[in-house]
């Protein structure tokens, strides 16, 4: 047998030639296979990277792939459009009826906001006990009826201040019924990993109407007067009810048939404040409502004092905040599942307070513009993330009651303007806004330092 001498590490090894050929061929086959596998892995990796990039680009509209959520988004847009149009039209009517009384404007605003605080716990219990879709349809249809009554009183010339007050109370109560159910429906339809995207898109519809609603109502008042706009708004509410009515979903919620509505409310409050994360989220809803949203009430006075602008300039300022808020919610929707959400929320809230303080001391329209956009952006990012985390950390059968607590804090928003409005009369609107923003930033820092659970929240 022929042999081949192979030197390995200076040692002479005698191996059969046939065995060497066999092993060489095996080695070549293994090498080729390894190269082939490596190539396939590389191709799969490239394909995966391209897929990830594609997903990132499509994340913005991810939740709209769900049929029911598309209808919810349309209904929310139309409902918020009607609400913002109604607020402007009602304010214009109040000024006409009361001879331009600012006190009357404040009182009617309170009649809309206070019922949200009082009725929200009951509305949350109903949302966990009955069909959330039917509750939203009921609230929208009832608002349409009330708006028709308002338009009829207006067109016949018999409308008075007390009419507007009473209808305002009912409008606020129906809003308290609408919001917890509408928000909770989203988590019934969209999976948890897409919930932030869905809530951000839903909030973007509200922010868009903050820009379009007042402008549209003001334009229509010129042609059909306030009465005609009320009738248009009622039709808009009816459309919102019809669009939510076509939503088809079957939520799976555990309900205790033996419990009472009062027992449900008590159970919801006990549950919400026994959970450390939920408790922190509610505290960090109350702080921005108390200190961060004071500019809503004070910005008209600030605009007159600091910039000496008229109503058209004020409209532009409000529109800029709406644009910033829309950009913030759309960016959040496109971001997908973020990590370190607690830190992001606290950072955005702190930045919101700092920006508000700096903005209050500006005296140039050009300088004020970027700050207004930034305030709108940071506030919308914070509130959208807060709503998302409240729902993610709530049991499905509790989400209506938990969301109603958030609505209670929003109902307190006009009340927060009272102390800062009083302060503005004494020291000036700019300084009052500065203190408001500074307190928001300071309280956020203190909360961050003493709440590790919130900081570590993902």
Protein backbone atom coordinates (compact mmCIF):
# COMPACT_ATOMS: atom_id res chain seq x y z
CA UNK A 1 0.00 0.00 0.00
CA UNK A 2 1.27 3.35 -0.96
CA UNK A 3 1.91 5.72 1.88
CA UNK A 4 2.46 9.39 2.15
CA UNK A 5 4.75 10.92 4.70
CA UNK A 6 3.15 13.90 6.43
CA UNK A 7 5.11 16.08 8.76
CA UNK A 8 3.09 17.37 11.67
CA UNK A 9 4.88 19.32 14.35
CA UNK A 10 8.21 17.91 13.24
CA UNK A 11 6.87 14.33 13.66
CA UNK A 12 6.71 11.72 10.92
CA UNK A 13 3.20 10.28 10.51
CA UNK A 14 2.45 7.55 7.98
CA UNK A 15 -1.19 7.61 6.69
CA UNK A 16 -2.90 5.78 3.86
CA UNK A 17 -3.37 8.02 0.82
CA UNK A 18 -7.02 6.92 0.39
CA UNK A 19 -7.82 8.01 3.95
CA UNK A 20 -6.19 11.38 3.39
CA UNK A 21 -8.22 11.88 0.19
CA UNK A 22 -11.41 10.91 2.03
CA UNK A 23 -10.74 13.23 4.94
CA UNK A 24 -9.70 16.03 2.58
CA UNK A 25 -12.93 15.71 0.64
CA UNK A 26 -14.90 15.64 3.90
CA UNK A 27 -13.16 18.74 5.10
CA UNK A 28 -13.89 20.49 1.80
CA UNK A 29 -17.55 19.48 2.02
CA UNK A 30 -17.76 20.78 5.57
CA UNK A 31 -16.07 24.01 4.58
CA UNK A 32 -18.44 24.49 1.66
CA UNK A 33 -21.40 23.75 3.93
CA UNK A 34 -20.11 26.18 6.56
CA UNK A 35 -19.69 28.87 3.90
CA UNK A 36 -23.20 28.13 2.64
CA UNK A 37 -24.68 28.35 6.15
CA UNK A 38 -22.74 31.54 6.82
CA UNK A 39 -24.03 33.04 3.59
CA UNK A 40 -27.61 32.04 4.46
CA UNK A 41 -27.27 33.55 7.93
CA UNK A 42 -25.88 36.71 6.42
CA UNK A 43 -28.78 36.91 3.96
CA UNK A 44 -31.28 36.24 6.75
CA UNK A 45 -29.62 38.92 8.88
CA UNK A 46 -29.80 41.44 6.03
CA UNK A 47 -33.42 40.47 5.42
CA UNK A 48 -34.17 40.83 9.13
CA UNK A 49 -32.53 44.24 9.22
CA UNK A 50 -34.57 45.35 6.23
CA UNK A 51 -37.70 43.99 7.94
CA UNK A 52 -36.94 45.89 11.15
CA UNK A 53 -36.39 49.08 9.20
CA UNK A 54 -39.68 48.56 7.40
CA UNK A 55 -41.47 47.98 10.70
CA UNK A 56 -40.00 51.15 12.11
CA UNK A 57 -41.32 53.10 9.15
CA UNK A 58 -44.78 51.56 9.44
CA UNK A 59 -45.02 51.80 13.24
CA UNK A 60 -46.76 55.18 13.03
CA UNK A 61 -49.95 53.68 11.60
CA UNK A 62 -49.57 50.26 13.23
CA UNK A 63 -52.81 50.36 15.23
CA UNK A 64 -54.83 51.46 12.22
CA UNK A 65 -54.42 47.93 10.83
CA UNK A 66 -57.20 46.98 13.27
CA UNK A 67 -60.61 47.62 11.72
CA UNK A 68 -62.34 48.56 14.96
CA UNK A 69 -59.60 50.99 15.95
CA UNK A 70 -59.95 52.79 12.61
CA UNK A 71 -63.60 53.45 13.43
CA UNK A 72 -62.71 54.53 16.96
CA UNK A 73 -60.15 56.99 15.59
CA UNK A 74 -62.67 58.47 13.15
CA UNK A 75 -65.29 58.71 15.90
CA UNK A 76 -62.79 60.39 18.27
CA UNK A 77 -61.76 62.91 15.63
CA UNK A 78 -65.36 63.83 14.84
CA UNK A 79 -66.37 63.93 18.52
CA UNK A 80 -63.46 66.17 19.54
CA UNK A 81 -64.09 68.38 16.52
CA UNK A 82 -67.69 68.87 17.65
CA UNK A 83 -66.57 69.56 21.24
CA UNK A 84 -64.01 72.20 20.23
CA UNK A 85 -66.46 73.85 17.85
CA UNK A 86 -69.07 73.85 20.60
CA UNK A 87 -66.73 75.49 23.11
CA UNK A 88 -65.98 78.41 20.79
CA UNK A 89 -69.59 78.81 19.65
CA UNK A 90 -70.90 78.66 23.22
CA UNK A 91 -68.33 81.25 24.35
CA UNK A 92 -69.38 83.59 21.55
CA UNK A 93 -73.05 83.15 22.49
CA UNK A 94 -72.31 83.84 26.18
CA UNK A 95 -70.53 87.08 25.33
CA UNK A 96 -73.54 88.16 23.26
CA UNK A 97 -76.08 87.23 25.93
CA UNK A 98 -74.15 88.72 28.90
CA UNK A 99 -72.70 91.83 27.23
CA UNK A 100 -69.10 90.55 27.12
CA UNK A 101 -68.89 89.34 30.74
CA UNK A 102 -65.63 87.45 31.45
CA UNK A 103 -67.11 86.19 34.72
CA UNK A 104 -69.93 84.53 32.79
CA UNK A 105 -67.35 82.77 30.60
CA UNK A 106 -65.58 81.44 33.70
CA UNK A 107 -68.81 80.21 35.29
CA UNK A 108 -69.90 78.31 32.18
CA UNK A 109 -66.44 76.74 31.92
CA UNK A 110 -66.82 75.55 35.51
CA UNK A 111 -70.27 74.08 34.79
CA UNK A 112 -68.63 71.96 32.09
CA UNK A 113 -65.58 70.94 34.14
CA UNK A 114 -66.98 70.28 37.61
CA UNK A 115 -69.41 67.53 36.50
CA UNK A 116 -66.43 65.69 35.01
CA UNK A 117 -64.95 65.54 38.51
CA UNK A 118 -68.19 64.57 40.24
CA UNK A 119 -69.67 62.18 37.65
CA UNK A 120 -66.43 60.44 36.58
CA UNK A 121 -66.39 57.79 39.36
CA UNK A 122 -69.96 56.79 38.51
CA UNK A 123 -69.16 56.78 34.79
CA UNK A 124 -66.11 54.58 35.39
CA UNK A 125 -68.17 52.06 37.34
CA UNK A 126 -70.75 51.98 34.53
CA UNK A 127 -67.96 51.46 31.98
CA UNK A 128 -66.84 48.31 33.81
CA UNK A 129 -70.40 47.06 34.32
CA UNK A 130 -72.11 47.74 30.96
CA UNK A 131 -71.18 47.90 27.29
CA UNK A 132 -68.58 50.62 26.82
CA UNK A 133 -69.59 51.06 23.20
CA UNK A 134 -73.23 51.67 24.11
CA UNK A 135 -72.21 54.21 26.76
CA UNK A 136 -70.19 56.17 24.18
CA UNK A 137 -73.07 56.04 21.68
CA UNK A 138 -75.46 57.25 24.40
CA UNK A 139 -73.21 60.17 25.35
CA UNK A 140 -72.75 61.29 21.74
CA UNK A 141 -76.45 61.01 20.87
CA UNK A 142 -77.42 62.89 24.04
CA UNK A 143 -74.94 65.66 23.25
CA UNK A 144 -76.48 65.93 19.78
CA UNK A 145 -79.95 66.35 21.34
CA UNK A 146 -78.75 68.98 23.81
CA UNK A 147 -77.00 70.91 21.04
CA UNK A 148 -80.19 70.90 18.95
CA UNK A 149 -82.07 72.33 21.95
CA UNK A 150 -79.40 75.02 22.31
CA UNK A 151 -79.61 75.89 18.63
CA UNK A 152 -83.41 76.06 18.82
CA UNK A 153 -83.30 78.38 21.85
CA UNK A 154 -80.77 80.54 20.06
CA UNK A 155 -82.57 80.79 16.71
CA UNK A 156 -85.88 81.64 18.40
CA UNK A 157 -84.23 84.39 20.45
CA UNK A 158 -85.28 83.05 23.86
CA UNK A 159 -81.87 81.76 24.99
CA UNK A 160 -80.66 83.09 28.33
CA UNK A 161 -77.59 82.65 30.53
CA UNK A 162 -79.21 80.02 32.76
CA UNK A 163 -80.08 77.92 29.69
CA UNK A 164 -76.41 77.83 28.76
CA UNK A 165 -75.42 76.98 32.36
CA UNK A 166 -77.82 74.04 32.65
CA UNK A 167 -76.91 72.60 29.25
CA UNK A 168 -73.24 73.05 30.15
CA UNK A 169 -73.72 70.87 33.26
CA UNK A 170 -75.27 68.11 31.14
CA UNK A 171 -72.51 68.45 28.52
CA UNK A 172 -69.84 68.02 31.20
CA UNK A 173 -71.63 65.02 32.70
CA UNK A 174 -71.88 63.33 29.30
CA UNK A 175 -68.19 64.01 28.66
CA UNK A 176 -67.45 62.20 31.93
CA UNK A 177 -69.43 59.22 30.60
CA UNK A 178 -67.77 59.36 27.19
CA UNK A 179 -64.07 59.58 28.03
CA UNK A 180 -63.43 56.59 30.37
CA UNK A 181 -65.41 54.26 28.12
CA UNK A 182 -63.78 55.58 24.93
CA UNK A 183 -60.27 55.18 26.35
CA UNK A 184 -60.98 51.72 27.80
CA UNK A 185 -62.40 50.47 24.48
CA UNK A 186 -58.99 51.06 22.90
CA UNK A 187 -57.32 48.61 25.29
CA UNK A 188 -60.14 46.13 24.61
CA UNK A 189 -59.33 46.13 20.89
CA UNK A 190 -55.59 46.79 20.56
CA UNK A 191 -53.00 44.43 22.15
CA UNK A 192 -50.83 45.80 24.93
CA UNK A 193 -47.67 46.00 22.79
CA UNK A 194 -49.46 48.45 20.45
CA UNK A 195 -51.38 50.36 23.11
CA UNK A 196 -49.03 53.35 23.24
CA UNK A 197 -49.26 53.69 19.47
CA UNK A 198 -53.07 53.49 19.61
CA UNK A 199 -53.51 56.00 22.45
CA UNK A 200 -51.03 58.40 20.84
CA UNK A 201 -52.90 58.24 17.53
CA UNK A 202 -56.20 58.72 19.34
CA UNK A 203 -54.80 61.76 21.17
CA UNK A 204 -53.45 63.12 17.90
CA UNK A 205 -57.05 63.29 16.66
CA UNK A 206 -57.89 65.46 19.68
CA UNK A 207 -54.89 67.71 19.08
CA UNK A 208 -55.75 68.12 15.41
CA UNK A 209 -59.23 69.31 16.34
CA UNK A 210 -57.74 71.83 18.77
CA UNK A 211 -56.33 73.50 15.67
CA UNK A 212 -59.21 72.94 13.24
CA UNK A 213 -62.27 73.14 15.52
CA UNK A 214 -62.09 76.76 16.74
CA UNK A 215 -61.05 78.04 13.30
CA UNK A 216 -63.92 76.20 11.59
CA UNK A 217 -66.48 77.37 14.14
CA UNK A 218 -65.31 80.98 13.91
CA UNK A 219 -65.56 80.85 10.12
CA UNK A 220 -69.04 79.32 10.16
CA UNK A 221 -70.38 81.84 12.69
CA UNK A 222 -69.77 84.57 10.11
CA UNK A 223 -72.17 82.87 7.67
CA UNK A 224 -74.81 80.99 9.70
CA UNK A 225 -74.53 82.67 13.13
CA UNK A 226 -74.18 80.71 16.36
CA UNK A 227 -77.57 78.99 15.98
CA UNK A 228 -76.62 77.52 12.61
CA UNK A 229 -73.29 76.29 13.98
CA UNK A 230 -75.06 74.54 16.87
CA UNK A 231 -77.18 72.59 14.38
CA UNK A 232 -74.02 71.63 12.43
CA UNK A 233 -72.38 70.50 15.68
CA UNK A 234 -75.38 68.33 16.54
CA UNK A 235 -75.05 66.60 13.18
CA UNK A 236 -71.35 66.06 13.90
CA UNK A 237 -72.18 64.39 17.23
CA UNK A 238 -74.66 62.10 15.46
CA UNK A 239 -71.96 61.08 13.00
CA UNK A 240 -69.60 60.34 15.93
CA UNK A 241 -72.29 58.10 17.47
CA UNK A 242 -72.83 56.24 14.19
CA UNK A 243 -69.12 55.59 13.63
CA UNK A 244 -68.60 54.16 17.13
CA UNK A 245 -71.74 52.10 16.61
CA UNK A 246 -70.16 50.06 13.80
CA UNK A 247 -67.31 48.90 16.06
CA UNK A 248 -67.49 45.11 16.48
CA UNK A 249 -65.64 43.65 19.41
CA UNK A 250 -66.39 41.22 22.22
CA UNK A 251 -64.54 42.26 25.39
CA UNK A 252 -63.79 39.60 27.99
CA UNK A 253 -64.27 41.17 31.39
CA UNK A 254 -65.02 39.57 34.72
CA UNK A 255 -67.98 41.20 36.45
CA UNK A 256 -69.42 40.62 39.87
CA UNK A 257 -73.16 40.39 39.31
CA UNK A 258 -73.91 40.76 43.02
CA UNK A 259 -72.04 44.06 43.49
CA UNK A 260 -73.71 47.45 43.44
CA UNK A 261 -72.59 50.53 41.50
CA UNK A 262 -71.53 52.15 44.79
CA UNK A 263 -69.58 49.03 45.66
CA UNK A 264 -67.91 49.12 42.24
CA UNK A 265 -66.84 52.74 42.77
CA UNK A 266 -65.39 51.92 46.20
CA UNK A 267 -63.64 48.85 44.83
CA UNK A 268 -62.15 50.86 41.94
CA UNK A 269 -60.78 53.58 44.23
CA UNK A 270 -59.32 51.00 46.62
CA UNK A 271 -57.70 49.12 43.73
CA UNK A 272 -56.24 52.23 42.10
CA UNK A 273 -54.60 53.56 45.25
CA UNK A 274 -53.36 50.17 46.45
CA UNK A 275 -51.16 49.76 43.36
CA UNK A 276 -47.87 51.71 43.76
CA UNK A 277 -47.44 52.35 40.03
CA UNK A 278 -51.04 53.51 39.54
CA UNK A 279 -50.80 55.72 42.61
CA UNK A 280 -47.66 57.35 41.19
CA UNK A 281 -49.31 57.83 37.81
CA UNK A 282 -52.29 59.60 39.40
CA UNK A 283 -50.03 61.87 41.44
CA UNK A 284 -48.13 62.70 38.27
CA UNK A 285 -51.42 63.46 36.54
CA UNK A 286 -52.53 65.82 39.29
CA UNK A 287 -49.24 67.79 39.41
CA UNK A 288 -49.27 68.84 35.71
CA UNK A 289 -53.02 69.56 35.87
CA UNK A 290 -52.44 71.83 38.87
CA UNK A 291 -49.30 73.62 37.67
CA UNK A 292 -48.74 72.83 33.99
CA UNK A 293 -52.06 73.71 32.37
CA UNK A 294 -52.49 77.15 33.92
CA UNK A 295 -51.39 78.66 30.60
CA UNK A 296 -54.70 77.57 29.00
CA UNK A 297 -56.54 80.17 31.05
CA UNK A 298 -53.80 82.79 31.29
CA UNK A 299 -52.35 82.89 27.79
CA UNK A 300 -54.98 85.37 26.45
CA UNK A 301 -54.07 87.85 29.20
CA UNK A 302 -50.34 87.15 28.72
CA UNK A 303 -50.63 87.76 24.97
CA UNK A 304 -52.24 91.16 25.58
CA UNK A 305 -49.72 92.19 28.26
CA UNK A 306 -46.50 90.82 26.76
CA UNK A 307 -47.10 91.00 23.01
CA UNK A 308 -50.01 93.46 22.71
CA UNK A 309 -51.73 91.28 20.10
CA UNK A 310 -55.37 91.02 19.07
CA UNK A 311 -57.64 88.00 18.66
CA UNK A 312 -56.05 86.93 15.36
CA UNK A 313 -52.60 86.75 16.98
CA UNK A 314 -54.05 84.85 19.93
CA UNK A 315 -55.56 82.35 17.53
CA UNK A 316 -52.13 81.79 15.99
CA UNK A 317 -50.58 81.21 19.43
CA UNK A 318 -53.22 78.62 20.31
CA UNK A 319 -52.79 76.99 16.92
CA UNK A 320 -49.02 76.68 17.49
CA UNK A 321 -49.61 74.83 20.75
CA UNK A 322 -52.00 72.51 18.93
CA UNK A 323 -49.39 71.87 16.23
CA UNK A 324 -46.75 71.06 18.84
CA UNK A 325 -49.14 68.69 20.61
CA UNK A 326 -49.99 66.96 17.34
CA UNK A 327 -46.31 66.54 16.46
CA UNK A 328 -45.65 65.10 19.93
CA UNK A 329 -48.39 62.47 19.76
CA UNK A 330 -47.51 61.48 16.19
CA UNK A 331 -43.83 61.13 17.14
CA UNK A 332 -44.80 58.99 20.12
CA UNK A 333 -47.00 56.82 17.91
CA UNK A 334 -44.09 56.31 15.50
CA UNK A 335 -41.66 55.44 18.29
CA UNK A 336 -43.35 52.12 19.06
CA UNK A 337 -42.51 50.33 22.31
CA UNK A 338 -40.16 52.59 24.23
CA UNK A 339 -38.00 51.52 27.14
CA UNK A 340 -37.45 53.56 30.31
CA UNK A 341 -40.89 55.11 30.01
CA UNK A 342 -40.87 56.40 33.57
CA UNK A 343 -37.70 58.42 32.96
CA UNK A 344 -39.05 59.72 29.63
CA UNK A 345 -42.27 60.87 31.30
CA UNK A 346 -40.48 62.62 34.15
CA UNK A 347 -38.02 64.28 31.76
CA UNK A 348 -40.78 65.56 29.49
CA UNK A 349 -42.73 66.90 32.49
CA UNK A 350 -39.65 68.70 33.84
CA UNK A 351 -38.89 70.14 30.39
CA UNK A 352 -42.50 71.29 30.13
CA UNK A 353 -42.19 73.26 33.38
CA UNK A 354 -38.85 74.84 32.44
CA UNK A 355 -40.12 75.82 28.98
CA UNK A 356 -43.26 77.39 30.49
CA UNK A 357 -41.17 79.49 32.88
CA UNK A 358 -38.85 80.72 30.14
CA UNK A 359 -41.74 81.35 27.76
CA UNK A 360 -43.53 83.53 30.32
CA UNK A 361 -40.65 86.02 30.33
CA UNK A 362 -40.44 86.47 26.56
CA UNK A 363 -41.64 89.70 24.98
CA UNK A 364 -41.18 88.80 21.32
CA UNK A 365 -43.64 86.89 19.17
CA UNK A 366 -40.77 85.26 17.25
CA UNK A 367 -39.10 84.02 20.43
CA UNK A 368 -42.41 82.81 21.88
CA UNK A 369 -43.23 80.58 18.87
CA UNK A 370 -40.69 77.75 19.46
CA UNK A 371 -41.48 77.69 23.19
CA UNK A 372 -45.21 77.34 22.53
CA UNK A 373 -44.60 74.49 20.10
CA UNK A 374 -42.27 72.81 22.61
CA UNK A 375 -44.78 73.20 25.46
CA UNK A 376 -47.48 71.65 23.30
CA UNK A 377 -45.13 68.79 22.33
CA UNK A 378 -43.84 67.91 25.81
CA UNK A 379 -47.27 68.16 27.45
CA UNK A 380 -48.89 65.90 24.83
CA UNK A 381 -46.07 63.32 25.03
CA UNK A 382 -46.36 63.25 28.81
CA UNK A 383 -50.16 62.94 28.95
CA UNK A 384 -50.29 60.29 26.21
CA UNK A 385 -47.67 58.16 27.97
CA UNK A 386 -49.46 58.62 31.29
CA UNK A 387 -52.77 57.36 29.81
CA UNK A 388 -50.96 54.42 28.23
CA UNK A 389 -49.26 53.36 31.44
CA UNK A 390 -52.47 53.71 33.47
CA UNK A 391 -54.20 51.23 31.16
CA UNK A 392 -51.24 48.86 30.88
CA UNK A 393 -50.99 48.57 34.66
CA UNK A 394 -54.74 48.10 35.22
CA UNK A 395 -56.73 44.88 35.14
CA UNK A 396 -59.13 44.80 32.16
CA UNK A 397 -62.18 44.64 34.43
CA UNK A 398 -60.95 47.75 36.28
CA UNK A 399 -59.88 49.96 33.38
CA UNK A 400 -63.11 51.97 33.18
CA UNK A 401 -62.95 52.92 36.85
CA UNK A 402 -59.21 53.59 36.72
CA UNK A 403 -59.55 55.85 33.68
CA UNK A 404 -62.38 57.72 35.41
CA UNK A 405 -59.92 58.79 38.13
CA UNK A 406 -57.74 60.35 35.43
CA UNK A 407 -60.82 62.13 34.08
CA UNK A 408 -61.49 63.49 37.60
CA UNK A 409 -58.12 65.20 37.60
CA UNK A 410 -58.78 66.70 34.16
CA UNK A 411 -62.04 68.08 35.48
CA UNK A 412 -60.03 70.00 38.06
CA UNK A 413 -58.06 71.79 35.33
CA UNK A 414 -60.19 74.98 35.26
CA UNK A 415 -60.01 75.14 39.07
CA UNK A 416 -56.21 75.24 38.88
CA UNK A 417 -56.48 78.48 36.92
CA UNK A 418 -58.22 80.23 39.82
CA UNK A 419 -55.19 80.63 42.17
CA UNK A 420 -52.85 81.56 39.35
CA UNK A 421 -55.44 83.96 37.90
CA UNK A 422 -55.67 85.63 41.31
CA UNK A 423 -51.89 85.75 41.52
CA UNK A 424 -51.70 87.25 38.02
CA UNK A 425 -53.88 90.17 39.10
CA UNK A 426 -51.43 90.96 41.88
CA UNK A 427 -48.01 90.42 40.29
CA UNK A 428 -48.75 90.22 36.55
CA UNK A 429 -49.57 87.34 34.22
CA UNK A 430 -45.96 86.74 33.13
CA UNK A 431 -44.71 86.27 36.70
CA UNK A 432 -47.70 84.06 37.58
CA UNK A 433 -46.92 81.81 34.61
CA UNK A 434 -43.25 81.75 35.62
CA UNK A 435 -44.16 80.54 39.12
CA UNK A 436 -46.55 77.96 37.63
CA UNK A 437 -43.84 76.48 35.39
CA UNK A 438 -41.23 76.58 38.15
CA UNK A 439 -43.53 74.72 40.56
CA UNK A 440 -44.19 72.07 37.91
CA UNK A 441 -40.44 71.53 37.44
CA UNK A 442 -39.69 71.53 41.19
CA UNK A 443 -42.48 69.10 42.11
CA UNK A 444 -41.39 66.81 39.27
CA UNK A 445 -37.83 66.77 40.63
CA UNK A 446 -39.03 65.95 44.16
CA UNK A 447 -41.28 63.18 42.84
CA UNK A 448 -38.39 61.77 40.79
CA UNK A 449 -36.06 61.68 43.79
CA UNK A 450 -38.51 59.96 46.13
CA UNK A 451 -40.28 57.50 43.80
CA UNK A 452 -37.89 54.81 42.58
CA UNK A 453 -40.77 52.62 41.34
CA UNK A 454 -41.86 55.32 38.91
CA UNK A 455 -38.29 55.94 37.72
CA UNK A 456 -37.80 52.26 36.92
CA UNK A 457 -41.12 51.89 35.11
CA UNK A 458 -40.91 50.52 31.53
